[in-house]
Amino acid sequence: MNHTTLLIVDDHTVVRKGIQMIVSTEPSIKVIGEAADGPQAFEQVKALRPDIVLMDLLMPNDGGLKAITKIKKSFPTTKIIVLTTYVDKQKVTEAMSAGADGYLLKEVDGQALLDAILHVRQGEMPLHPKAVTYLFKNEPINNAIQAETAQLTEREMDVLKLVSEGLTNKEIAHDLNLSIGTIKVHVSNILSKLQVTSRTAASVRATQSKLIPERSFAEI
């Protein structure tokens, strides 16, 4: 069996152990490590290369936002699900702009948490209902960003649609019959034009701008 490997990042031991107990009920998911703050999280991702990271936001020694940004910059294929106590517009938008692939509250029940982990592996974006509202509804896009999105080339649009489906550069290169280097250039141009720093944020921005259909997500 090919396991989905998981790293749990939270500064409370009882929370980490509770998540481990929940995950232990699903044979296809395997916890391979823990971390109690942002720097530890980065080092664990570097050493263990988990498929998915469950990330708390409020922790000592650099919180979750900095950890998400750093992890995504060095390991862009690693999926990160925020698992926190708080949900407000600023936290949600900052987390997703940093590169998070999902946003859940700690009040979520065990089965919903397991489903979210599996959804992320399938390229979906598990979100708390309030996070959906903040990201996809009534979110104004300024004129400068609208002008930049209009400048995406046809090929960049092709790449953006595949990025929004969760494909890696290698998979996109295969689908479009292009080199990985060419795809990297297109992705870089897309991030610049959309004024974002991560693939997830690009997907959200493109959805808000009506460039692509609303990305597949699961309300938790």
Protein backbone atom coordinates (compact mmCIF):
# COMPACT_ATOMS: atom_id res chain seq x y z
CA MET A 1 0.00 0.00 0.00
CA ASN A 2 1.25 3.49 -0.89
CA HIS A 3 0.70 5.51 2.27
CA THR A 4 -0.05 9.22 2.39
CA THR A 5 2.66 10.45 4.77
CA LEU A 6 1.81 13.14 7.29
CA LEU A 7 3.73 15.61 9.46
CA ILE A 8 1.84 17.15 12.40
CA VAL A 9 2.88 20.65 13.48
CA ASP A 10 1.39 22.06 16.70
CA ASP A 11 2.93 23.46 19.87
CA HIS A 12 0.55 21.44 22.08
CA THR A 13 1.57 17.83 22.65
CA VAL A 14 -1.99 16.76 23.47
CA VAL A 15 -3.20 18.08 20.10
CA ARG A 16 -0.48 16.22 18.21
CA LYS A 17 -1.26 12.98 20.05
CA GLY A 18 -4.99 13.43 19.45
CA ILE A 19 -4.43 13.83 15.72
CA GLN A 20 -2.23 10.76 15.70
CA MET A 21 -5.02 8.74 17.32
CA ILE A 22 -7.49 9.88 14.66
CA VAL A 23 -5.10 9.20 11.80
CA SER A 24 -4.27 5.74 13.14
CA THR A 25 -7.82 4.67 12.20
CA GLU A 26 -7.10 5.21 8.49
CA PRO A 27 -4.63 2.61 7.09
CA SER A 28 -3.78 4.70 4.02
CA ILE A 29 -2.40 7.61 6.09
CA LYS A 30 0.83 7.35 8.07
CA VAL A 31 2.19 9.92 10.54
CA ILE A 32 5.96 10.11 10.03
CA GLY A 33 6.85 13.04 12.26
CA GLU A 34 5.90 15.88 14.58
CA ALA A 35 7.05 19.45 15.15
CA ALA A 36 6.24 22.05 17.81
CA ASP A 37 7.08 25.26 15.92
CA GLY A 38 7.90 26.70 12.50
CA PRO A 39 11.66 26.06 12.40
CA GLN A 40 11.17 22.46 13.57
CA ALA A 41 8.50 22.03 10.89
CA PHE A 42 10.87 23.12 8.13
CA GLU A 43 13.64 20.82 9.34
CA GLN A 44 11.24 17.88 9.57
CA VAL A 45 9.92 18.50 6.06
CA LYS A 46 13.51 18.71 4.81
CA ALA A 47 14.44 15.43 6.49
CA LEU A 48 11.25 13.40 6.03
CA ARG A 49 9.63 14.84 2.86
CA PRO A 50 6.01 14.19 3.97
CA ASP A 51 3.19 14.31 1.44
CA ILE A 52 1.09 16.53 3.69
CA VAL A 53 1.72 18.84 6.65
CA LEU A 54 -1.00 19.70 9.18
CA MET A 55 0.03 23.18 10.32
CA ASP A 56 -1.11 25.24 13.30
CA LEU A 57 -0.81 28.99 12.78
CA LEU A 58 -0.13 30.41 16.23
CA MET A 59 3.07 28.91 17.62
CA PRO A 60 6.25 30.22 19.27
CA ASN A 61 9.54 30.72 17.39
CA ASP A 62 7.97 31.85 14.12
CA GLY A 63 4.37 30.90 13.57
CA GLY A 64 2.74 28.83 10.92
CA LEU A 65 2.58 31.52 8.24
CA LYS A 66 6.36 31.87 8.03
CA ALA A 67 6.72 28.10 8.06
CA ILE A 68 4.23 27.70 5.20
CA THR A 69 6.05 30.29 3.11
CA LYS A 70 9.46 28.73 3.73
CA ILE A 71 8.31 25.16 3.15
CA LYS A 72 6.46 26.01 -0.06
CA LYS A 73 9.47 27.90 -1.41
CA SER A 74 11.81 24.95 -0.89
CA PHE A 75 9.35 22.05 -1.28
CA PRO A 76 6.51 23.29 -3.50
CA THR A 77 4.93 19.85 -3.98
CA THR A 78 4.43 19.38 -0.24
CA LYS A 79 0.77 19.95 0.60
CA ILE A 80 -0.06 22.01 3.69
CA ILE A 81 -3.39 22.05 5.51
CA VAL A 82 -3.85 24.74 8.14
CA LEU A 83 -5.46 23.31 11.28
CA THR A 84 -6.14 26.15 13.69
CA THR A 85 -8.53 27.51 16.29
CA TYR A 86 -9.14 30.79 14.49
CA VAL A 87 -10.84 31.78 11.25
CA ASP A 88 -11.03 35.37 10.06
CA LYS A 89 -10.49 37.06 6.73
CA GLN A 90 -6.92 38.15 7.43
CA LYS A 91 -5.71 34.76 8.67
CA VAL A 92 -7.38 32.86 5.84
CA THR A 93 -6.12 35.12 3.07
CA GLU A 94 -2.60 35.28 4.52
CA ALA A 95 -2.42 31.50 4.90
CA MET A 96 -3.68 30.78 1.39
CA SER A 97 -1.46 33.47 -0.12
CA ALA A 98 1.50 31.87 1.66
CA GLY A 99 0.69 28.62 -0.14
CA ALA A 100 -1.60 26.61 2.15
CA ASP A 101 -3.66 23.98 0.35
CA GLY A 102 -6.52 23.93 2.84
CA TYR A 103 -7.87 25.66 5.94
CA LEU A 104 -9.62 23.79 8.77
CA LEU A 105 -10.61 24.48 12.36
CA LYS A 106 -9.59 22.24 15.24
CA GLU A 107 -13.28 21.71 16.00
CA VAL A 108 -13.49 19.50 12.91
CA ASP A 109 -14.50 15.91 13.63
CA GLY A 110 -12.17 12.99 13.02
CA GLN A 111 -13.75 11.72 9.81
CA ALA A 112 -13.82 15.19 8.29
CA LEU A 113 -10.11 15.58 9.07
CA LEU A 114 -9.31 12.27 7.39
CA ASP A 115 -11.45 13.24 4.39
CA ALA A 116 -9.61 16.57 4.14
CA ILE A 117 -6.24 14.82 4.01
CA LEU A 118 -7.48 12.56 1.22
CA HIS A 119 -9.06 15.51 -0.63
CA VAL A 120 -5.72 17.33 -0.67
CA ARG A 121 -3.97 14.30 -2.18
CA GLN A 122 -6.59 14.38 -4.96
CA GLY A 123 -5.84 18.02 -5.76
CA GLU A 124 -8.83 19.48 -3.94
CA MET A 125 -8.83 22.30 -1.40
CA PRO A 126 -10.54 21.43 1.91
CA LEU A 127 -11.90 24.61 3.48
CA HIS A 128 -13.96 25.68 6.45
CA PRO A 129 -17.19 27.30 5.14
CA LYS A 130 -16.12 30.75 6.40
CA ALA A 131 -12.81 30.35 4.56
CA VAL A 132 -14.77 29.65 1.38
CA THR A 133 -16.66 32.91 1.88
CA TYR A 134 -13.47 34.90 2.42
CA LEU A 135 -11.71 33.42 -0.60
CA PHE A 136 -14.38 33.08 -3.26
CA LYS A 137 -17.27 35.39 -2.49
CA ASN A 138 -17.46 39.17 -2.66
CA GLU A 139 -13.70 39.54 -2.75
CA PRO A 140 -12.78 42.75 -4.63
CA ILE A 141 -10.00 42.59 -7.18
CA ASN A 142 -8.23 45.89 -7.77
CA ASN A 143 -7.90 47.34 -11.26
CA ALA A 144 -4.13 46.81 -11.40
CA ILE A 145 -4.50 43.07 -10.81
CA GLN A 146 -7.35 42.83 -13.32
CA ALA A 147 -5.15 44.49 -15.91
CA GLU A 148 -2.31 42.07 -15.24
CA THR A 149 -4.53 38.99 -15.42
CA ALA A 150 -5.77 40.14 -18.82
CA GLN A 151 -2.17 39.94 -20.05
CA LEU A 152 -1.82 36.19 -19.50
CA THR A 153 -0.96 34.46 -22.74
CA GLU A 154 -2.95 31.54 -24.09
CA ARG A 155 -0.20 29.13 -23.05
CA GLU A 156 -0.01 30.67 -19.57
CA MET A 157 -3.75 30.15 -19.27
CA ASP A 158 -3.27 26.47 -20.20
CA VAL A 159 -0.62 26.14 -17.51
CA LEU A 160 -2.71 28.04 -14.94
CA LYS A 161 -5.68 25.72 -15.42
CA LEU A 162 -3.47 22.69 -14.77
CA VAL A 163 -1.81 24.36 -11.79
CA SER A 164 -5.29 24.95 -10.35
CA GLU A 165 -5.97 21.22 -10.67
CA GLY A 166 -2.98 20.49 -8.44
CA LEU A 167 -0.63 19.14 -11.12
CA THR A 168 3.14 19.34 -10.65
CA ASN A 169 5.45 20.97 -13.19
CA LYS A 170 6.45 17.52 -14.42
CA GLU A 171 2.82 16.49 -14.93
CA ILE A 172 1.99 19.76 -16.69
CA ALA A 173 5.02 19.39 -18.94
CA HIS A 174 3.85 15.89 -19.89
CA ASP A 175 0.27 17.02 -20.56
CA LEU A 176 1.33 19.99 -22.71
CA ASN A 177 4.30 18.25 -24.33
CA LEU A 178 6.72 20.91 -23.10
CA SER A 179 9.96 20.80 -21.11
CA ILE A 180 9.89 21.20 -17.34
CA GLY A 181 12.10 24.27 -17.73
CA THR A 182 9.54 25.90 -20.01
CA ILE A 183 6.77 25.17 -17.51
CA LYS A 184 8.82 26.73 -14.70
CA VAL A 185 9.15 29.92 -16.76
CA HIS A 186 5.40 29.99 -17.43
CA VAL A 187 4.59 29.44 -13.75
CA SER A 188 6.99 32.21 -12.74
CA ASN A 189 5.35 34.59 -15.23
CA ILE A 190 1.89 33.63 -13.97
CA LEU A 191 2.80 34.30 -10.33
CA SER A 192 4.26 37.66 -11.31
CA LYS A 193 1.24 38.73 -13.35
CA LEU A 194 -1.23 37.62 -10.70
CA GLN A 195 0.87 39.32 -8.00
CA VAL A 196 1.08 36.22 -5.80
CA THR A 197 3.91 34.08 -4.44
CA SER A 198 2.49 30.55 -4.53
CA ARG A 199 0.65 28.17 -6.84
CA THR A 200 -2.30 27.90 -4.46
CA ALA A 201 -2.60 31.68 -4.25
CA ALA A 202 -2.48 31.82 -8.05
CA SER A 203 -5.37 29.37 -8.22
CA VAL A 204 -7.39 31.41 -5.74
CA ARG A 205 -6.58 34.69 -7.53
CA ALA A 206 -7.54 33.23 -10.91
CA THR A 207 -10.83 32.01 -9.47
CA GLN A 208 -11.60 35.41 -7.97
CA SER A 209 -10.78 37.06 -11.31
CA LYS A 210 -13.06 34.61 -13.17
CA LEU A 211 -10.11 33.42 -15.25
CA ILE A 212 -10.89 29.80 -14.43
CA PRO A 213 -13.90 27.97 -12.98
CA GLU A 214 -14.02 27.77 -9.20
CA ARG A 215 -11.37 25.31 -8.09
CA SER A 216 -12.60 22.02 -6.71
CA PHE A 217 -12.86 22.31 -2.95
CA ALA A 218 -14.55 20.52 -0.11
CA GLU A 219 -16.33 22.45 2.62
CA ILE A 220 -15.48 20.89 5.99
